[in-house]
Amino acid sequence: MNKLDIEAAQSEIFDSNGAFFAFGNEQFEEKCKKGIKYTQLRSVLLTCVRV
């Protein structure tokens, strides 16, 4: 799986769950949807181990 395939898969998962990245309050305000309660994750590293 190449980098573009991985990024496309990540985007699909984020979109289907309503998640997005925002680097600051201004960007968050642009992307958030009114009426939705959001939570904030910080310093998260997700790893996938290929067996």
Protein backbone atom coordinates (compact mmCIF):
# COMPACT_ATOMS: atom_id res chain seq x y z
CA MET A 1 0.00 0.00 0.00
CA ASN A 2 1.49 3.33 -0.98
CA LYS A 3 1.27 6.68 0.81
CA LEU A 4 -1.62 7.95 -1.33
CA ASP A 5 -3.66 4.81 -0.66
CA ILE A 6 -3.09 5.20 3.09
CA GLU A 7 -4.04 8.89 3.05
CA ALA A 8 -7.21 8.12 1.05
CA ALA A 9 -8.18 5.38 3.52
CA GLN A 10 -7.53 7.69 6.50
CA SER A 11 -9.60 10.46 4.93
CA GLU A 12 -12.49 8.07 4.30
CA ILE A 13 -12.44 6.88 7.93
CA PHE A 14 -12.24 10.44 9.29
CA ASP A 15 -15.05 11.65 7.03
CA SER A 16 -17.32 8.72 7.91
CA ASN A 17 -16.84 9.45 11.63
CA GLY A 18 -17.00 13.24 11.42
CA ALA A 19 -13.38 13.68 12.51
CA PHE A 20 -10.95 16.27 11.20
CA PHE A 21 -7.63 17.91 12.00
CA ALA A 22 -7.52 21.56 13.04
CA PHE A 23 -4.32 23.36 13.90
CA GLY A 24 -5.73 26.21 15.96
CA ASN A 25 -9.06 27.71 16.99
CA GLU A 26 -9.56 29.60 13.73
CA GLN A 27 -9.20 26.47 11.61
CA PHE A 28 -11.46 24.57 14.02
CA GLU A 29 -14.18 27.22 13.74
CA GLU A 30 -14.01 27.00 9.92
CA LYS A 31 -14.39 23.20 9.88
CA CYS A 32 -16.75 22.46 12.77
CA LYS A 33 -20.46 21.91 12.25
CA LYS A 34 -22.94 23.70 14.47
CA GLY A 35 -24.88 21.47 16.85
CA ILE A 36 -22.12 18.85 17.05
CA LYS A 37 -20.18 18.34 20.28
CA TYR A 38 -16.47 17.78 19.58
CA THR A 39 -13.69 16.37 21.69
CA GLN A 40 -10.02 17.18 21.38
CA LEU A 41 -7.16 14.71 21.10
CA ARG A 42 -3.58 15.82 21.65
CA SER A 43 -0.25 14.20 20.93
CA VAL A 44 -1.71 11.03 19.52
CA LEU A 45 0.47 8.65 17.58
CA LEU A 46 -1.26 5.82 15.76
CA THR A 47 0.90 3.01 14.52
CA CYS A 48 0.17 0.01 12.39
CA VAL A 49 2.39 -3.03 12.77
CA ARG A 50 2.62 -5.23 9.73
CA VAL A 51 2.87 -8.90 10.72
